[in-house]
């Protein structure tokens, strides 16, 4: 069974950078579309960025376009989210999640978190001075 583990969160000042990692085990990651989602206290979980199984298709929420970059290394069974120019409003718990390729587009996965089949436990990102 596929398992996902996020890492790389932490406390960073506004304007700073973090790189999140989503490491998979139990199943090859290259048959899954992967999404990064975040959830702030009192708010719903939202799609941040999603990537297709091959890496050829990506999607970004408007709020992170030009600042965040999603990538994957299927040989390492890992998906990354490079976050630059971080803002206080980026503060949230960040989750990665997987959906078998062919069942949804990356846009649909990001728009509807419930489409994901497998979730990681999340990693906290706090942007504060």
Foldseek 3Di string as FASTA:
>chain_A
DKAWAKDWADEAAQQAKIKMKIAIDDDQQLQKKKWKWWDAPPGDIATAKIAHSVRPDMDGDPVQPPFWDWGDDRVRRMIMIIGGRDDQVVWGWMKMFIAGPPPDDRVVCRHDVVRTDYIYPTDTHGYHD
